[in-house]
């Protein structure tokens, strides 16, 4: 059985970690470099950094922050936000990132996924998909969830897998920040239709929610923000409970 991963997500805006509800009402959650170091020390398996305003502000992710994080952590980390070219990815990897996450730029130009996979390998390419369930259908949204599209979540996920994505990071906008649990039905469908790992994002509020997304949602990894940032669920205790529930995790 493959080990399930616990991934804190740090949404970055103006050099600070922030967290909101349903993608709005952001509040400060601390210094990203200090948080990254802390998470690496307490047993996080990976980290994800999303520069949430980079796309809207039409700029690249801050390379300085990536450099500082790389100096402090010994676990893999993924960086996303404003990435739209091979040059962007090359710069991030040279600063120490292990993987990159593309979202809006891949929707606007799907060939980008092929280009990045060909150049850097699929293991380096995470495609993040923000989707909202509207009248029973999951629709992909862009630019931090602010722009709706007609793209279907499942069709888009299958397309990016064909183009070379190594992982899917699926955030349910309906669940984001609500602490009511992950979108396990959609996650299970993604998992059954794709052959690459699926990272669950949006809705973590209790330890049981993590148990459920691994058992019911068939997720390969679970990503969360506020429950970790504000100390509501300590990662060591979470992992011990997952082990008790016969979910394989790295302790």
Protein backbone atom coordinates (compact mmCIF):
# COMPACT_ATOMS: atom_id res chain seq x y z
CA UNK A 1 0.00 0.00 0.00
CA UNK A 2 1.30 3.45 -0.90
CA UNK A 3 1.92 5.79 2.00
CA UNK A 4 -0.63 8.60 2.27
CA UNK A 5 0.77 12.11 2.49
CA UNK A 6 -0.11 15.06 4.74
CA UNK A 7 0.60 18.40 3.06
CA UNK A 8 0.27 21.81 4.68
CA UNK A 9 -0.58 24.48 2.14
CA UNK A 10 0.71 28.01 2.52
CA UNK A 11 -1.21 30.58 0.52
CA UNK A 12 1.14 33.56 0.08
CA UNK A 13 0.12 37.16 -0.43
CA UNK A 14 2.53 40.11 -0.07
CA UNK A 15 5.11 37.80 1.48
CA UNK A 16 2.80 36.53 4.24
CA UNK A 17 0.83 33.32 4.72
CA UNK A 18 -2.92 34.01 4.54
CA UNK A 19 -6.08 31.93 4.86
CA UNK A 20 -9.66 32.62 3.86
CA UNK A 21 -13.05 30.95 3.51
CA UNK A 22 -14.36 30.04 0.05
CA UNK A 23 -11.33 31.90 -1.40
CA UNK A 24 -12.20 35.26 0.24
CA UNK A 25 -11.95 37.05 3.64
CA UNK A 26 -8.22 36.46 4.01
CA UNK A 27 -6.51 36.66 7.40
CA UNK A 28 -2.82 36.58 8.29
CA UNK A 29 -1.35 33.21 9.32
CA UNK A 30 2.33 34.01 9.73
CA UNK A 31 5.73 34.04 8.06
CA UNK A 32 5.90 31.37 5.32
CA UNK A 33 9.56 30.48 5.86
CA UNK A 34 9.14 30.02 9.63
CA UNK A 35 5.99 27.98 9.10
CA UNK A 36 7.72 25.80 6.50
CA UNK A 37 10.58 25.02 8.87
CA UNK A 38 8.15 24.18 11.65
CA UNK A 39 6.11 21.85 9.43
CA UNK A 40 9.20 20.01 8.22
CA UNK A 41 10.22 19.45 11.83
CA UNK A 42 6.87 18.06 13.01
CA UNK A 43 6.41 15.50 10.24
CA UNK A 44 4.71 17.07 7.23
CA UNK A 45 5.42 14.94 4.17
CA UNK A 46 5.48 17.80 1.67
CA UNK A 47 4.62 21.48 1.48
CA UNK A 48 2.71 23.48 -1.11
CA UNK A 49 3.22 27.23 -1.55
CA UNK A 50 0.67 29.08 -3.65
CA UNK A 51 1.30 32.72 -4.47
CA UNK A 52 -2.42 33.39 -4.67
CA UNK A 53 -2.27 36.88 -6.17
CA UNK A 54 0.50 36.24 -8.71
CA UNK A 55 -1.88 35.38 -11.57
CA UNK A 56 -4.25 38.27 -10.89
CA UNK A 57 -1.32 40.69 -10.59
CA UNK A 58 0.28 39.20 -13.72
CA UNK A 59 3.68 38.50 -12.14
CA UNK A 60 5.90 35.56 -11.31
CA UNK A 61 6.15 33.85 -7.93
CA UNK A 62 8.65 35.39 -5.51
CA UNK A 63 11.96 33.61 -5.99
CA UNK A 64 13.48 34.97 -2.78
CA UNK A 65 10.89 33.20 -0.67
CA UNK A 66 11.54 29.92 -2.50
CA UNK A 67 15.26 30.23 -1.86
CA UNK A 68 14.74 30.85 1.85
CA UNK A 69 12.31 27.94 2.16
CA UNK A 70 14.74 25.59 0.40
CA UNK A 71 17.42 26.54 2.93
CA UNK A 72 15.14 25.63 5.84
CA UNK A 73 13.36 22.41 4.86
CA UNK A 74 14.38 18.87 3.97
CA UNK A 75 11.06 17.70 2.54
CA UNK A 76 9.73 18.15 -1.00
CA UNK A 77 7.88 21.35 -1.73
CA UNK A 78 5.73 22.52 -4.59
CA UNK A 79 5.38 26.14 -5.70
CA UNK A 80 2.53 27.62 -7.70
CA UNK A 81 1.16 30.98 -8.74
CA UNK A 82 1.82 32.93 -11.91
CA UNK A 83 3.77 30.13 -13.62
CA UNK A 84 3.31 30.24 -17.38
CA UNK A 85 6.56 29.18 -19.07
CA UNK A 86 9.54 26.83 -19.05
CA UNK A 87 11.67 29.77 -17.90
CA UNK A 88 9.44 30.32 -14.84
CA UNK A 89 9.78 26.67 -13.83
CA UNK A 90 13.51 26.59 -14.51
CA UNK A 91 14.02 29.56 -12.18
CA UNK A 92 11.92 27.99 -9.38
CA UNK A 93 13.70 24.65 -9.57
CA UNK A 94 17.08 26.38 -9.49
CA UNK A 95 15.97 28.15 -6.32
CA UNK A 96 15.20 24.79 -4.71
CA UNK A 97 11.58 23.93 -5.46
CA UNK A 98 10.94 20.23 -6.14
CA UNK A 99 7.70 20.56 -8.10
CA UNK A 100 5.59 23.29 -9.63
CA UNK A 101 1.85 23.75 -9.69
CA UNK A 102 0.11 25.26 -12.70
CA UNK A 103 -3.54 26.19 -12.82
CA UNK A 104 -4.93 29.15 -14.83
CA UNK A 105 -2.00 29.16 -17.27
CA UNK A 106 -2.64 25.50 -18.16
CA UNK A 107 -6.31 26.16 -18.88
CA UNK A 108 -5.44 29.13 -21.07
CA UNK A 109 -2.74 27.18 -22.92
CA UNK A 110 -3.00 23.40 -22.32
CA UNK A 111 0.20 22.76 -24.31
CA UNK A 112 2.08 24.19 -21.32
CA UNK A 113 1.54 20.91 -19.46
CA UNK A 114 3.14 18.97 -22.33
CA UNK A 115 6.06 21.38 -22.49
CA UNK A 116 6.78 21.23 -18.77
CA UNK A 117 6.44 17.43 -18.60
CA UNK A 118 8.74 17.01 -21.61
CA UNK A 119 11.35 19.40 -20.23
CA UNK A 120 11.34 18.58 -16.51
CA UNK A 121 9.52 15.23 -16.22
CA UNK A 122 5.94 14.47 -15.14
CA UNK A 123 7.04 14.00 -11.52
CA UNK A 124 7.71 17.74 -11.41
CA UNK A 125 4.34 18.89 -12.80
CA UNK A 126 1.31 19.28 -10.55
CA UNK A 127 -1.86 20.60 -12.16
CA UNK A 128 -4.01 22.43 -9.63
CA UNK A 129 -7.71 22.52 -10.37
CA UNK A 130 -10.07 24.82 -8.50
CA UNK A 131 -13.64 23.70 -9.16
CA UNK A 132 -17.08 24.60 -7.91
CA UNK A 133 -20.16 22.43 -7.99
CA UNK A 134 -22.85 24.40 -9.80
CA UNK A 135 -26.26 22.74 -10.20
CA UNK A 136 -24.70 19.30 -9.79
CA UNK A 137 -21.82 19.86 -12.22
CA UNK A 138 -18.23 20.56 -11.22
CA UNK A 139 -16.92 23.55 -13.19
CA UNK A 140 -13.29 24.68 -13.28
CA UNK A 141 -12.54 28.23 -12.08
CA UNK A 142 -9.46 30.37 -12.74
CA UNK A 143 -7.44 33.18 -11.12
CA UNK A 144 -7.88 32.11 -7.51
CA UNK A 145 -11.43 30.97 -8.18
CA UNK A 146 -12.59 34.35 -9.44
CA UNK A 147 -13.27 33.42 -13.09
CA UNK A 148 -15.74 30.61 -13.93
CA UNK A 149 -15.25 28.49 -17.06
CA UNK A 150 -17.30 25.90 -18.90
CA UNK A 151 -14.62 23.25 -18.34
CA UNK A 152 -15.77 20.09 -16.58
CA UNK A 153 -13.53 19.04 -13.68
CA UNK A 154 -13.27 15.39 -14.68
CA UNK A 155 -12.72 15.97 -18.39
CA UNK A 156 -10.05 18.57 -17.68
CA UNK A 157 -8.30 16.29 -15.18
CA UNK A 158 -8.20 13.48 -17.74
CA UNK A 159 -6.84 15.84 -20.39
CA UNK A 160 -3.96 17.10 -18.23
CA UNK A 161 -3.08 13.52 -17.29
CA UNK A 162 -2.85 12.70 -21.01
CA UNK A 163 -0.65 15.76 -21.48
CA UNK A 164 1.84 14.61 -18.85
CA UNK A 165 0.75 15.94 -15.45
CA UNK A 166 2.23 13.91 -12.60
CA UNK A 167 -0.39 14.82 -9.98
CA UNK A 168 -3.72 16.60 -9.63
CA UNK A 169 -4.32 19.02 -6.77
CA UNK A 170 -8.11 19.36 -6.62
CA UNK A 171 -9.57 22.11 -4.46
CA UNK A 172 -13.32 22.16 -3.96
CA UNK A 173 -14.33 25.81 -3.78
CA UNK A 174 -17.59 24.74 -2.13
CA UNK A 175 -15.64 23.19 0.74
CA UNK A 176 -12.63 25.53 1.00
CA UNK A 177 -12.21 26.95 4.50
CA UNK A 178 -15.56 25.60 5.71
CA UNK A 179 -14.06 22.78 7.83
CA UNK A 180 -16.98 20.55 6.86
CA UNK A 181 -14.89 17.82 5.22
CA UNK A 182 -13.41 17.18 1.79
CA UNK A 183 -15.38 16.65 -1.45
CA UNK A 184 -14.98 12.89 -1.17
CA UNK A 185 -17.48 11.89 -3.83
CA UNK A 186 -15.72 13.98 -6.48
CA UNK A 187 -12.31 12.84 -5.21
CA UNK A 188 -13.28 9.18 -5.43
CA UNK A 189 -14.49 9.71 -8.99
CA UNK A 190 -11.23 11.43 -9.94
CA UNK A 191 -9.25 8.63 -8.33
CA UNK A 192 -11.19 5.96 -10.22
CA UNK A 193 -10.88 7.72 -13.60
CA UNK A 194 -7.20 8.72 -13.40
CA UNK A 195 -3.95 6.84 -12.90
CA UNK A 196 -1.97 9.65 -11.27
CA UNK A 197 -2.10 10.72 -7.60
CA UNK A 198 -4.92 12.97 -6.43
CA UNK A 199 -4.32 15.52 -3.68
CA UNK A 200 -7.47 16.48 -1.77
CA UNK A 201 -7.85 20.14 -0.85
CA UNK A 202 -10.62 22.21 0.70
CA UNK A 203 -12.68 21.44 3.80
CA UNK A 204 -10.39 19.89 6.43
CA UNK A 205 -11.72 20.58 9.91
CA UNK A 206 -11.24 17.42 11.98
CA UNK A 207 -9.02 14.36 12.10
CA UNK A 208 -11.99 12.31 10.88
CA UNK A 209 -12.11 14.39 7.70
CA UNK A 210 -8.60 13.17 6.86
CA UNK A 211 -9.59 9.58 7.61
CA UNK A 212 -12.63 9.97 5.37
CA UNK A 213 -10.77 11.44 2.41
CA UNK A 214 -8.28 8.57 2.43
CA UNK A 215 -10.92 5.87 2.91
CA UNK A 216 -13.96 7.28 1.08
CA UNK A 217 -12.34 9.79 -1.27
CA UNK A 218 -9.49 7.41 -2.21
CA UNK A 219 -7.16 10.43 -2.05
CA UNK A 220 -3.41 9.89 -2.23
CA UNK A 221 -2.63 12.99 -0.19
CA UNK A 222 -4.57 15.49 1.89
CA UNK A 223 -3.76 19.18 1.87
CA UNK A 224 -4.92 21.65 4.49
CA UNK A 225 -4.12 25.13 5.72
CA UNK A 226 -5.90 26.76 8.65
CA UNK A 227 -6.21 23.64 10.84
CA UNK A 228 -2.42 23.39 10.70
CA UNK A 229 -1.54 27.12 10.72
CA UNK A 230 -3.65 27.85 13.79
CA UNK A 231 -2.68 24.70 15.70
CA UNK A 232 -6.10 23.07 15.60
CA UNK A 233 -4.76 19.71 14.38
CA UNK A 234 -1.12 18.91 15.26
CA UNK A 235 0.42 16.81 12.50
CA UNK A 236 2.05 14.20 14.81
CA UNK A 237 -1.31 13.48 16.51
CA UNK A 238 -3.07 13.37 13.14
CA UNK A 239 -0.64 10.79 11.82
CA UNK A 240 -0.92 8.63 14.94
CA UNK A 241 -4.70 8.56 14.55
CA UNK A 242 -4.44 7.71 10.85
CA UNK A 243 -2.18 4.78 11.76
CA UNK A 244 -4.78 3.62 14.30
CA UNK A 245 -7.33 3.67 11.49
CA UNK A 246 -5.03 1.43 9.39
CA UNK A 247 -4.03 4.22 7.02
CA UNK A 248 -0.36 3.98 6.10
CA UNK A 249 1.53 7.19 6.84
CA UNK A 250 5.15 8.09 7.49
CA UNK A 251 5.75 8.75 11.20
